[in-house]
Structure formats: structure tokens, C-alpha cells
């Protein structure tokens, strides 16, 4: 009787382990394709992923959001050919089974980038000067930011001027700065005082 119960319990553990592995495998495989394509689309449209490590981090972040599990996820970029527009990656998920053993599931994907749809995004420079005079004389820059066209810039910490009160940032046409508007070209601001 004890042997039968033990064998039944052992068989149940084996079945649960196999079912868990299959569920994990299906979860990874069903999410990997869409996650890979989204990450590649983001990489192509924003050009912010200057390295394979950044692309790997993006895919890992998206996978951990979608895969509801306490697991270690590893993404390996197997081949990247920017000239031909090919990206191949392998995702491995490792976790602990209830019996204490480590389970592992892998899936691979190859993505072909449509290079015709990748827009060229240029960098723009935003300069802040401590006064209008410094801006007009191309004097010392208070703060300089390099960002991508279409990004927004935050207002820097206002400078301090003895005997004057900071009255906001203005552009070269003397309009108040609106930092909620995306930057489309190089722009210069100066600190206004009263």
C-alpha cells in the first residue's frame, strides 16, 4: 500500500513536471515571436539601440512582463547582419520545478528587417544660456543636450544671478519655452531675468 501511494505520488510529480515544462515552452514560444518583432520594430524606428546588449535588454524586459513566472530569462543574439537586415536570437528560460530540479526551455527566432520602412532620425542639439547676452555673443553655454529629433527636453535647473529673479526660459525669438513640444531641430534658449 505504501509503495503504491509512493509510486502514485512520484507519477503525479512526473506528470506535473512534464505539464509545467510544456506550459512554459508554449508560453515562451507563443510570446517570443511577437516580442521579437516588437523589439526589432522599436530598434528600427528609434535607432536607440546602439548595441546588441541594449536589444537583448529590451527583449528580456518585454518577455518578463509577458511571461508570468519566477524564472531566469537569457536572450542571445546569435547573428546580426545589419547590411542584409537579419536578426537571429535564442531565448532560454530556466526555472525551478517543485521537486527542486531546474527546468529549461529554449526557442529561436530569425527576423528579417524591412529596411525600406526605417526612417532616418537625426540628432538635434538644445543649448541653454544663462542670459540673452551670452546667447547673442555665443558665450559660455549653461547646459547643452543632444537628443533625437521628436524627443522632448526637460527644463534644466535655473541658473542663479545675484540681484535678479529667474523669469523662465525663452527661445531666440523671445517666446517662452514650451518643453512639452517635441524638438524638431537645433534650438537655443536663454534665461530671462526680472
N, C-alpha and C. Protein backbone atom coordinates (compact mmCIF):
# COMPACT_ATOMS: atom_id res chain seq x y z
N UNK A 1 0.82 -1.19 0.00
CA UNK A 1 0.00 0.00 0.00
C UNK A 1 0.88 1.27 0.00
N UNK A 2 1.87 1.32 0.88
CA UNK A 2 2.76 2.47 0.95
C UNK A 2 3.53 2.62 -0.36
N UNK A 3 3.93 1.50 -0.94
CA UNK A 3 4.67 1.53 -2.20
C UNK A 3 3.77 2.08 -3.31
N UNK A 4 2.51 1.66 -3.34
CA UNK A 4 1.58 2.15 -4.36
C UNK A 4 1.33 3.64 -4.22
N UNK A 5 1.16 4.11 -2.98
CA UNK A 5 0.96 5.54 -2.74
C UNK A 5 2.21 6.32 -3.15
N UNK A 6 3.38 5.81 -2.80
CA UNK A 6 4.64 6.46 -3.17
C UNK A 6 4.79 6.51 -4.68
N UNK A 7 4.50 5.41 -5.35
CA UNK A 7 4.59 5.38 -6.81
C UNK A 7 3.57 6.33 -7.45
N UNK A 8 2.39 6.36 -6.89
CA UNK A 8 1.36 7.28 -7.38
C UNK A 8 1.79 8.73 -7.22
N UNK A 9 2.37 9.05 -6.05
CA UNK A 9 2.86 10.40 -5.79
C UNK A 9 3.99 10.75 -6.76
N UNK A 10 4.90 9.81 -6.97
CA UNK A 10 6.02 10.01 -7.89
C UNK A 10 5.52 10.21 -9.31
N UNK A 11 4.56 9.42 -9.73
CA UNK A 11 3.98 9.55 -11.06
C UNK A 11 3.30 10.91 -11.21
N UNK A 12 2.60 11.37 -10.17
CA UNK A 12 1.95 12.68 -10.19
C UNK A 12 2.99 13.79 -10.35
N UNK A 13 4.10 13.70 -9.61
CA UNK A 13 5.16 14.69 -9.73
C UNK A 13 5.75 14.71 -11.14
N UNK A 14 5.94 13.54 -11.73
CA UNK A 14 6.48 13.47 -13.08
C UNK A 14 5.51 14.10 -14.08
N UNK A 15 4.24 13.81 -13.93
CA UNK A 15 3.23 14.40 -14.83
C UNK A 15 3.15 15.91 -14.66
N UNK A 16 3.18 16.39 -13.42
CA UNK A 16 3.15 17.84 -13.18
C UNK A 16 4.39 18.51 -13.76
N UNK A 17 5.55 17.87 -13.61
CA UNK A 17 6.78 18.43 -14.15
C UNK A 17 6.71 18.50 -15.67
N UNK A 18 6.25 17.44 -16.31
CA UNK A 18 6.13 17.42 -17.78
C UNK A 18 5.11 18.46 -18.24
N UNK A 19 3.98 18.56 -17.55
CA UNK A 19 2.96 19.54 -17.93
C UNK A 19 3.48 20.95 -17.74
N UNK A 20 4.19 21.19 -16.64
CA UNK A 20 4.77 22.51 -16.40
C UNK A 20 5.77 22.89 -17.48
N UNK A 21 6.60 21.93 -17.87
CA UNK A 21 7.59 22.19 -18.92
C UNK A 21 6.90 22.51 -20.24
N UNK A 22 5.85 21.76 -20.58
CA UNK A 22 5.13 22.01 -21.82
C UNK A 22 4.44 23.37 -21.78
N UNK A 23 3.83 23.72 -20.63
CA UNK A 23 3.18 25.02 -20.50
C UNK A 23 4.19 26.15 -20.66
N UNK A 24 5.35 26.00 -20.01
CA UNK A 24 6.39 27.03 -20.13
C UNK A 24 6.87 27.14 -21.57
N UNK A 25 7.06 26.01 -22.20
CA UNK A 25 7.54 26.01 -23.57
C UNK A 25 6.54 26.73 -24.49
N UNK A 26 5.27 26.42 -24.34
CA UNK A 26 4.25 27.06 -25.17
C UNK A 26 4.15 28.55 -24.87
N UNK A 27 4.29 28.91 -23.58
CA UNK A 27 4.23 30.31 -23.19
C UNK A 27 5.37 31.10 -23.84
N UNK A 28 6.58 30.55 -23.77
CA UNK A 28 7.73 31.22 -24.39
C UNK A 28 7.55 31.30 -25.90
N UNK A 29 7.20 30.18 -26.53
CA UNK A 29 7.09 30.16 -27.99
C UNK A 29 5.98 31.08 -28.49
N UNK A 30 4.86 31.15 -27.77
CA UNK A 30 3.76 32.00 -28.22
C UNK A 30 4.09 33.48 -28.06
N UNK A 31 4.88 33.83 -27.05
CA UNK A 31 5.22 35.24 -26.82
C UNK A 31 6.47 35.69 -27.55
N UNK A 32 7.39 34.78 -27.80
CA UNK A 32 8.68 35.17 -28.35
C UNK A 32 8.56 35.83 -29.71
N UNK A 33 7.75 35.28 -30.57
CA UNK A 33 7.63 35.82 -31.92
C UNK A 33 7.18 37.28 -31.90
N UNK A 34 6.10 37.56 -31.19
CA UNK A 34 5.58 38.94 -31.16
C UNK A 34 6.53 39.87 -30.41
N UNK A 35 7.15 39.39 -29.34
CA UNK A 35 8.08 40.22 -28.58
C UNK A 35 9.30 40.56 -29.43
N UNK A 36 9.81 39.57 -30.14
CA UNK A 36 10.97 39.81 -31.01
C UNK A 36 10.63 40.84 -32.07
N UNK A 37 9.49 40.67 -32.72
CA UNK A 37 9.11 41.61 -33.76
C UNK A 37 8.91 43.02 -33.21
N UNK A 38 8.29 43.15 -32.02
CA UNK A 38 8.11 44.47 -31.41
C UNK A 38 9.45 45.11 -31.09
N UNK A 39 10.36 44.33 -30.51
CA UNK A 39 11.68 44.87 -30.16
C UNK A 39 12.44 45.30 -31.40
N UNK A 40 12.37 44.50 -32.45
CA UNK A 40 13.06 44.85 -33.69
C UNK A 40 12.43 46.08 -34.32
N UNK A 41 11.11 46.17 -34.25
CA UNK A 41 10.42 47.34 -34.79
C UNK A 41 10.86 48.60 -34.04
N UNK A 42 10.93 48.50 -32.72
CA UNK A 42 11.40 49.63 -31.91
C UNK A 42 12.84 49.98 -32.25
N UNK A 43 13.66 48.96 -32.42
CA UNK A 43 15.07 49.19 -32.75
C UNK A 43 15.18 49.92 -34.08
N UNK A 44 14.39 49.49 -35.05
CA UNK A 44 14.46 50.10 -36.38
C UNK A 44 13.89 51.49 -36.43
N UNK A 45 12.81 51.74 -35.69
CA UNK A 45 12.17 53.04 -35.77
C UNK A 45 12.83 54.09 -34.91
N UNK A 46 13.44 53.70 -33.81
CA UNK A 46 14.02 54.72 -32.93
C UNK A 46 15.52 54.83 -33.04
N UNK A 47 16.18 53.78 -33.51
CA UNK A 47 17.64 53.75 -33.62
C UNK A 47 18.33 54.06 -32.30
N UNK A 48 17.70 53.72 -31.19
CA UNK A 48 18.29 53.98 -29.87
C UNK A 48 19.08 52.80 -29.36
N UNK A 49 18.96 51.68 -30.04
CA UNK A 49 19.67 50.50 -29.59
C UNK A 49 20.99 50.43 -30.35
N UNK A 50 22.00 51.05 -29.79
CA UNK A 50 23.29 51.10 -30.45
C UNK A 50 24.10 49.83 -30.27
N UNK A 51 23.65 48.92 -29.44
CA UNK A 51 24.43 47.72 -29.20
C UNK A 51 23.51 46.51 -29.07
N UNK A 52 24.11 45.35 -29.20
CA UNK A 52 23.35 44.11 -29.05
C UNK A 52 22.86 43.97 -27.62
N UNK A 53 23.63 44.46 -26.64
CA UNK A 53 23.23 44.35 -25.25
C UNK A 53 21.93 45.13 -25.00
N UNK A 54 21.79 46.28 -25.63
CA UNK A 54 20.57 47.07 -25.43
C UNK A 54 19.37 46.36 -26.06
N UNK A 55 19.57 45.73 -27.21
CA UNK A 55 18.49 44.99 -27.85
C UNK A 55 18.10 43.79 -26.99
N UNK A 56 19.10 43.08 -26.45
CA UNK A 56 18.83 41.94 -25.58
C UNK A 56 18.05 42.39 -24.35
N UNK A 57 18.43 43.51 -23.76
CA UNK A 57 17.74 44.01 -22.57
C UNK A 57 16.29 44.34 -22.89
N UNK A 58 16.02 44.90 -24.07
CA UNK A 58 14.65 45.22 -24.47
C UNK A 58 13.81 43.94 -24.58
N UNK A 59 14.35 42.91 -25.22
CA UNK A 59 13.61 41.65 -25.38
C UNK A 59 13.38 41.00 -24.03
N UNK A 60 14.40 40.98 -23.16
CA UNK A 60 14.26 40.39 -21.83
C UNK A 60 13.18 41.13 -21.03
N UNK A 61 13.20 42.46 -21.09
CA UNK A 61 12.20 43.24 -20.37
C UNK A 61 10.79 42.93 -20.83
N UNK A 62 10.60 42.83 -22.14
CA UNK A 62 9.26 42.52 -22.66
C UNK A 62 8.84 41.10 -22.32
N UNK A 63 9.79 40.16 -22.38
CA UNK A 63 9.46 38.77 -22.03
C UNK A 63 9.06 38.64 -20.57
N UNK A 64 9.81 39.27 -19.67
CA UNK A 64 9.49 39.15 -18.25
C UNK A 64 8.15 39.79 -17.92
N UNK A 65 7.74 40.81 -18.68
CA UNK A 65 6.42 41.39 -18.46
C UNK A 65 5.32 40.43 -18.89
N UNK A 66 5.55 39.71 -19.98
CA UNK A 66 4.50 38.85 -20.54
C UNK A 66 4.49 37.45 -19.96
N UNK A 67 5.65 36.92 -19.61
CA UNK A 67 5.71 35.56 -19.09
C UNK A 67 5.55 35.64 -17.59
N UNK A 68 4.42 35.18 -17.10
CA UNK A 68 4.10 35.28 -15.68
C UNK A 68 4.80 34.15 -14.93
N UNK A 69 6.06 34.39 -14.56
CA UNK A 69 6.81 33.32 -13.91
C UNK A 69 8.01 33.90 -13.17
N UNK A 70 8.42 33.15 -12.17
CA UNK A 70 9.67 33.46 -11.47
C UNK A 70 10.75 32.64 -12.17
N UNK A 71 11.40 33.22 -13.15
CA UNK A 71 12.34 32.46 -13.96
C UNK A 71 13.49 33.37 -14.38
N UNK A 72 14.57 32.72 -14.78
CA UNK A 72 15.70 33.44 -15.37
C UNK A 72 15.56 33.36 -16.87
N UNK A 73 15.56 34.51 -17.53
CA UNK A 73 15.43 34.55 -18.98
C UNK A 73 16.73 35.08 -19.56
N UNK A 74 17.27 34.35 -20.53
CA UNK A 74 18.50 34.74 -21.20
C UNK A 74 18.20 34.90 -22.69
N UNK A 75 18.66 36.00 -23.26
CA UNK A 75 18.49 36.24 -24.69
C UNK A 75 19.87 36.32 -25.30
N UNK A 76 20.09 35.53 -26.34
CA UNK A 76 21.36 35.56 -27.05
C UNK A 76 21.10 35.98 -28.48
N UNK A 77 21.79 37.01 -28.92
CA UNK A 77 21.74 37.41 -30.32
C UNK A 77 22.72 36.52 -31.05
N UNK A 78 22.20 35.55 -31.80
CA UNK A 78 23.07 34.59 -32.46
C UNK A 78 23.74 35.19 -33.69
N UNK A 79 22.98 35.89 -34.50
CA UNK A 79 23.54 36.53 -35.69
C UNK A 79 22.81 37.84 -35.92
N UNK A 80 23.60 38.85 -36.23
CA UNK A 80 23.04 40.13 -36.58
C UNK A 80 23.77 40.61 -37.83
N UNK A 81 23.03 40.79 -38.89
CA UNK A 81 23.62 41.28 -40.13
C UNK A 81 22.82 42.51 -40.54
N UNK A 82 23.32 43.69 -40.16
CA UNK A 82 22.60 44.91 -40.43
C UNK A 82 22.49 45.18 -41.92
N UNK A 83 23.52 44.82 -42.67
CA UNK A 83 23.52 45.07 -44.11
C UNK A 83 22.40 44.30 -44.81
N UNK A 84 22.21 43.04 -44.42
CA UNK A 84 21.17 42.21 -45.01
C UNK A 84 19.85 42.34 -44.26
N UNK A 85 19.87 42.95 -43.09
CA UNK A 85 18.66 43.13 -42.30
C UNK A 85 18.17 41.86 -41.63
N UNK A 86 19.11 41.07 -41.08
CA UNK A 86 18.74 39.80 -40.44
C UNK A 86 19.13 39.85 -38.97
N UNK A 87 18.21 39.40 -38.13
CA UNK A 87 18.45 39.32 -36.69
C UNK A 87 18.00 37.94 -36.23
N UNK A 88 18.92 37.18 -35.64
CA UNK A 88 18.59 35.85 -35.12
C UNK A 88 18.85 35.84 -33.63
N UNK A 89 17.88 35.35 -32.86
CA UNK A 89 18.06 35.31 -31.41
C UNK A 89 17.53 34.00 -30.84
N UNK A 90 18.12 33.64 -29.70
CA UNK A 90 17.70 32.44 -28.97
C UNK A 90 17.35 32.87 -27.55
N UNK A 91 16.17 32.45 -27.09
CA UNK A 91 15.72 32.78 -25.75
C UNK A 91 15.68 31.50 -24.92
N UNK A 92 16.27 31.57 -23.73
CA UNK A 92 16.29 30.42 -22.82
C UNK A 92 15.65 30.87 -21.50
N UNK A 93 14.70 30.08 -21.03
CA UNK A 93 14.08 30.34 -19.73
C UNK A 93 14.43 29.18 -18.82
N UNK A 94 14.95 29.49 -17.64
CA UNK A 94 15.27 28.48 -16.64
C UNK A 94 14.47 28.74 -15.38
N UNK A 95 13.97 27.67 -14.75
CA UNK A 95 13.19 27.82 -13.51
C UNK A 95 13.35 26.56 -12.67
N UNK A 96 12.89 26.65 -11.45
CA UNK A 96 12.95 25.52 -10.52
C UNK A 96 11.60 24.81 -10.49
N UNK A 97 11.62 23.49 -10.69
CA UNK A 97 10.43 22.66 -10.56
C UNK A 97 10.10 22.50 -9.08
N UNK A 98 8.88 22.10 -8.76
CA UNK A 98 8.53 21.84 -7.36
C UNK A 98 9.42 20.77 -6.72
N UNK A 99 9.99 19.88 -7.54
CA UNK A 99 10.85 18.83 -6.98
C UNK A 99 12.28 19.32 -6.77
N UNK A 100 12.56 20.59 -7.08
CA UNK A 100 13.89 21.16 -6.85
C UNK A 100 14.81 21.12 -8.05
N UNK A 101 14.44 20.40 -9.09
CA UNK A 101 15.27 20.33 -10.28
C UNK A 101 15.06 21.57 -11.15
N UNK A 102 16.05 21.86 -11.96
CA UNK A 102 15.98 23.02 -12.85
C UNK A 102 15.38 22.61 -14.18
N UNK A 103 14.41 23.38 -14.63
CA UNK A 103 13.81 23.17 -15.94
C UNK A 103 14.31 24.23 -16.90
N UNK A 104 14.34 23.90 -18.17
CA UNK A 104 14.87 24.83 -19.16
C UNK A 104 14.08 24.67 -20.46
N UNK A 105 13.71 25.81 -21.04
CA UNK A 105 13.01 25.83 -22.33
C UNK A 105 13.74 26.82 -23.22
N UNK A 106 13.89 26.46 -24.51
CA UNK A 106 14.56 27.34 -25.45
C UNK A 106 13.70 27.51 -26.70
N UNK A 107 13.84 28.67 -27.31
CA UNK A 107 13.19 28.92 -28.59
C UNK A 107 14.06 29.89 -29.36
N UNK A 108 14.06 29.77 -30.67
CA UNK A 108 14.86 30.64 -31.53
C UNK A 108 13.96 31.30 -32.56
N UNK A 109 14.35 32.48 -32.96
CA UNK A 109 13.62 33.21 -33.99
C UNK A 109 14.62 33.92 -34.89
N UNK A 110 14.26 34.00 -36.17
CA UNK A 110 15.02 34.80 -37.12
C UNK A 110 14.06 35.85 -37.65
N UNK A 111 14.48 37.11 -37.61
CA UNK A 111 13.64 38.21 -38.06
C UNK A 111 14.35 38.90 -39.21
N UNK A 112 13.61 39.17 -40.27
CA UNK A 112 14.16 39.91 -41.40
C UNK A 112 13.58 41.31 -41.33
N UNK A 113 14.46 42.28 -41.23
CA UNK A 113 14.05 43.67 -41.10
C UNK A 113 13.67 44.23 -42.46
N UNK A 114 12.61 45.00 -42.49
CA UNK A 114 12.23 45.70 -43.70
C UNK A 114 12.93 47.04 -43.68
N UNK A 115 14.04 47.11 -44.36
CA UNK A 115 14.88 48.31 -44.29
C UNK A 115 14.29 49.49 -45.04
N UNK A 116 13.29 49.25 -45.89
CA UNK A 116 12.69 50.35 -46.61
C UNK A 116 11.85 51.24 -45.70
N UNK A 117 11.35 50.67 -44.59
CA UNK A 117 10.47 51.41 -43.70
C UNK A 117 11.21 52.10 -42.56
N UNK A 118 12.53 51.96 -42.49
CA UNK A 118 13.28 52.54 -41.39
C UNK A 118 13.59 54.00 -41.69
N UNK A 119 12.95 54.91 -40.98
CA UNK A 119 13.21 56.33 -41.24
C UNK A 119 14.56 56.75 -40.64
N UNK A 120 15.16 57.71 -41.26
CA UNK A 120 16.42 58.24 -40.76
C UNK A 120 16.09 59.29 -39.70
N UNK A 121 16.56 59.08 -38.49
CA UNK A 121 16.29 60.01 -37.40
C UNK A 121 17.58 60.74 -37.08
N UNK A 122 17.50 62.06 -37.13
CA UNK A 122 18.72 62.82 -36.89
C UNK A 122 18.79 63.31 -35.44
N UNK A 123 20.00 63.62 -35.04
CA UNK A 123 20.21 64.18 -33.71
C UNK A 123 20.06 65.69 -33.76
N UNK A 124 19.53 66.25 -32.69
CA UNK A 124 19.40 67.70 -32.57
C UNK A 124 20.06 68.15 -31.28
N UNK A 125 20.44 69.40 -31.25
CA UNK A 125 21.11 69.96 -30.08
C UNK A 125 20.25 71.07 -29.50
N UNK A 126 20.09 71.05 -28.18
CA UNK A 126 19.37 72.10 -27.47
C UNK A 126 20.37 72.75 -26.52
N UNK A 127 20.55 74.06 -26.69
CA UNK A 127 21.50 74.80 -25.84
C UNK A 127 20.75 75.78 -24.95
N UNK A 128 21.22 75.88 -23.72
CA UNK A 128 20.67 76.82 -22.74
C UNK A 128 21.78 77.79 -22.34
N UNK A 129 21.46 79.08 -22.37
CA UNK A 129 22.41 80.11 -21.96
C UNK A 129 21.88 80.81 -20.72
N UNK A 130 22.78 81.31 -19.89
CA UNK A 130 22.39 81.95 -18.63
C UNK A 130 21.81 83.34 -18.83
N UNK A 131 22.00 83.92 -20.01
CA UNK A 131 21.43 85.24 -20.30
C UNK A 131 21.27 85.42 -21.80
N UNK A 132 20.49 86.44 -22.19
CA UNK A 132 20.30 86.73 -23.61
C UNK A 132 21.61 87.20 -24.23
N UNK A 133 22.38 87.97 -23.46
CA UNK A 133 23.66 88.47 -23.96
C UNK A 133 24.63 87.32 -24.25
N UNK A 134 24.68 86.34 -23.37
CA UNK A 134 25.56 85.18 -23.58
C UNK A 134 25.14 84.42 -24.84
N UNK A 135 23.82 84.34 -25.08
CA UNK A 135 23.34 83.65 -26.28
C UNK A 135 23.72 84.43 -27.54
N UNK A 136 23.51 85.73 -27.53
CA UNK A 136 23.78 86.55 -28.71
C UNK A 136 25.27 86.62 -29.04
N UNK A 137 26.10 86.56 -28.03
CA UNK A 137 27.55 86.63 -28.26
C UNK A 137 28.17 85.25 -28.36
N UNK A 138 27.31 84.21 -28.40
CA UNK A 138 27.76 82.82 -28.43
C UNK A 138 28.78 82.57 -27.32
N UNK A 139 28.39 83.04 -26.14
CA UNK A 139 29.25 82.88 -24.96
C UNK A 139 29.19 81.49 -24.38
N UNK A 140 29.55 81.42 -23.12
CA UNK A 140 29.59 80.12 -22.44
C UNK A 140 28.17 79.56 -22.31
N UNK A 141 28.01 78.32 -22.72
CA UNK A 141 26.72 77.63 -22.68
C UNK A 141 26.47 77.14 -21.25
N UNK A 142 25.26 77.40 -20.72
CA UNK A 142 24.91 76.95 -19.38
C UNK A 142 24.68 75.44 -19.35
N UNK A 143 23.96 74.93 -20.37
CA UNK A 143 23.70 73.49 -20.49
C UNK A 143 23.44 73.17 -21.95
N UNK A 144 23.92 72.00 -22.37
CA UNK A 144 23.74 71.55 -23.75
C UNK A 144 23.21 70.12 -23.72
N UNK A 145 22.17 69.83 -24.52
CA UNK A 145 21.59 68.49 -24.58
C UNK A 145 21.58 68.02 -26.03
N UNK A 146 22.00 66.79 -26.24
CA UNK A 146 21.90 66.15 -27.55
C UNK A 146 20.82 65.09 -27.45
N UNK A 147 19.85 65.13 -28.35
CA UNK A 147 18.77 64.16 -28.34
C UNK A 147 18.34 63.86 -29.76
N UNK A 148 17.38 62.97 -29.90
CA UNK A 148 16.88 62.60 -31.21
C UNK A 148 15.71 63.49 -31.60
N UNK A 149 15.61 63.77 -32.88
CA UNK A 149 14.52 64.55 -33.42
C UNK A 149 13.20 63.92 -32.99
N UNK A 150 12.28 64.75 -32.45
CA UNK A 150 11.00 64.24 -31.99
C UNK A 150 10.94 63.99 -30.50
N UNK A 151 12.09 64.01 -29.81
CA UNK A 151 12.11 63.86 -28.36
C UNK A 151 11.77 65.20 -27.71
N UNK A 152 11.44 65.14 -26.43
CA UNK A 152 11.23 66.38 -25.68
C UNK A 152 12.41 66.56 -24.74
N UNK A 153 12.66 67.80 -24.40
CA UNK A 153 13.75 68.12 -23.47
C UNK A 153 13.13 68.68 -22.20
N UNK A 154 13.75 68.41 -21.08
CA UNK A 154 13.28 68.93 -19.80
C UNK A 154 13.95 70.25 -19.50
N UNK A 155 13.26 71.07 -18.77
CA UNK A 155 13.81 72.34 -18.35
C UNK A 155 14.94 72.08 -17.35
N UNK A 156 16.13 72.65 -17.58
CA UNK A 156 17.21 72.44 -16.62
C UNK A 156 16.97 73.25 -15.35
N UNK A 157 17.74 72.96 -14.35
CA UNK A 157 17.69 73.73 -13.11
C UNK A 157 18.05 75.17 -13.46
N UNK A 158 17.23 76.13 -13.03
CA UNK A 158 17.50 77.51 -13.40
C UNK A 158 18.84 78.01 -12.83
N UNK A 159 19.54 78.86 -13.60
CA UNK A 159 20.77 79.44 -13.07
C UNK A 159 20.46 80.46 -11.98
N UNK A 160 21.47 80.86 -11.29
CA UNK A 160 21.31 81.85 -10.23
C UNK A 160 22.06 83.11 -10.65
N UNK A 161 21.39 84.27 -10.47
CA UNK A 161 22.01 85.55 -10.81
C UNK A 161 21.75 86.49 -9.64
N UNK A 162 22.81 86.99 -9.08
CA UNK A 162 22.69 87.85 -7.90
C UNK A 162 21.93 89.13 -8.25
N UNK A 163 20.93 89.46 -7.44
CA UNK A 163 20.15 90.67 -7.63
C UNK A 163 19.05 90.54 -8.67
N UNK A 164 18.81 89.33 -9.20
CA UNK A 164 17.77 89.14 -10.22
C UNK A 164 16.97 87.88 -9.89
N UNK A 165 15.75 87.83 -10.40
CA UNK A 165 14.87 86.68 -10.20
C UNK A 165 14.68 86.00 -11.56
N UNK A 166 14.86 84.69 -11.57
CA UNK A 166 14.69 83.91 -12.80
C UNK A 166 13.24 84.00 -13.26
N UNK A 167 13.04 84.31 -14.56
CA UNK A 167 11.70 84.52 -15.12
C UNK A 167 11.38 83.51 -16.22
N UNK A 168 12.07 82.38 -16.26
CA UNK A 168 11.77 81.34 -17.24
C UNK A 168 12.76 81.31 -18.39
N UNK A 169 12.58 80.30 -19.23
CA UNK A 169 13.44 80.13 -20.40
C UNK A 169 12.72 80.67 -21.63
N UNK A 170 13.46 81.37 -22.48
CA UNK A 170 12.91 81.92 -23.72
C UNK A 170 13.76 81.46 -24.90
N UNK A 171 13.11 81.37 -26.07
CA UNK A 171 13.87 80.98 -27.26
C UNK A 171 14.48 82.23 -27.90
N UNK A 172 15.18 82.04 -29.00
CA UNK A 172 15.89 83.16 -29.63
C UNK A 172 14.94 84.22 -30.19
N UNK A 173 13.65 83.90 -30.33
CA UNK A 173 12.65 84.87 -30.79
C UNK A 173 11.92 85.50 -29.61
N UNK A 174 12.40 85.30 -28.40
CA UNK A 174 11.87 85.86 -27.16
C UNK A 174 10.53 85.26 -26.72
N UNK A 175 10.14 84.10 -27.27
CA UNK A 175 8.94 83.42 -26.82
C UNK A 175 9.28 82.51 -25.65
N UNK A 176 8.31 82.36 -24.72
CA UNK A 176 8.51 81.45 -23.59
C UNK A 176 8.67 80.03 -24.10
N UNK A 177 9.57 79.30 -23.48
CA UNK A 177 9.83 77.91 -23.89
C UNK A 177 8.68 77.02 -23.48
N UNK A 178 8.30 76.11 -24.38
CA UNK A 178 7.29 75.11 -24.09
C UNK A 178 7.97 73.75 -24.22
N UNK A 179 8.33 73.16 -23.08
CA UNK A 179 9.10 71.92 -23.09
C UNK A 179 8.24 70.68 -23.34
N UNK A 180 6.94 70.87 -23.54
CA UNK A 180 6.08 69.72 -23.87
C UNK A 180 6.07 69.45 -25.38
N UNK A 181 6.56 70.39 -26.17
CA UNK A 181 6.59 70.26 -27.63
C UNK A 181 7.85 69.50 -28.04
N UNK A 182 7.72 68.47 -28.87
CA UNK A 182 8.90 67.73 -29.33
C UNK A 182 9.85 68.62 -30.12
N UNK A 183 11.12 68.39 -29.94
CA UNK A 183 12.15 69.18 -30.62
C UNK A 183 12.36 68.60 -32.01
N UNK A 184 12.26 69.45 -33.04
CA UNK A 184 12.41 69.00 -34.43
C UNK A 184 13.71 69.47 -35.07
N UNK A 185 14.38 70.44 -34.43
CA UNK A 185 15.61 70.99 -34.98
C UNK A 185 16.44 71.56 -33.85
N UNK A 186 17.67 71.95 -34.16
CA UNK A 186 18.52 72.59 -33.15
C UNK A 186 17.81 73.83 -32.65
N UNK A 187 17.92 74.04 -31.33
CA UNK A 187 17.24 75.20 -30.73
C UNK A 187 18.08 75.76 -29.60
N UNK A 188 17.91 77.06 -29.36
CA UNK A 188 18.67 77.76 -28.33
C UNK A 188 17.69 78.47 -27.40
N UNK A 189 17.93 78.36 -26.09
CA UNK A 189 17.13 79.06 -25.08
C UNK A 189 18.05 79.91 -24.23
N UNK A 190 17.48 80.97 -23.67
CA UNK A 190 18.24 81.78 -22.71
C UNK A 190 17.38 82.01 -21.48
N UNK A 191 18.05 82.25 -20.37
CA UNK A 191 17.36 82.52 -19.11
C UNK A 191 16.92 83.98 -19.09
N UNK A 192 15.64 84.19 -18.84
CA UNK A 192 15.11 85.54 -18.73
C UNK A 192 15.13 85.94 -17.25
N UNK A 193 15.40 87.22 -17.01
CA UNK A 193 15.51 87.72 -15.64
C UNK A 193 14.63 88.95 -15.45
N UNK A 194 14.19 89.14 -14.23
CA UNK A 194 13.47 90.39 -13.90
C UNK A 194 14.00 90.94 -12.62
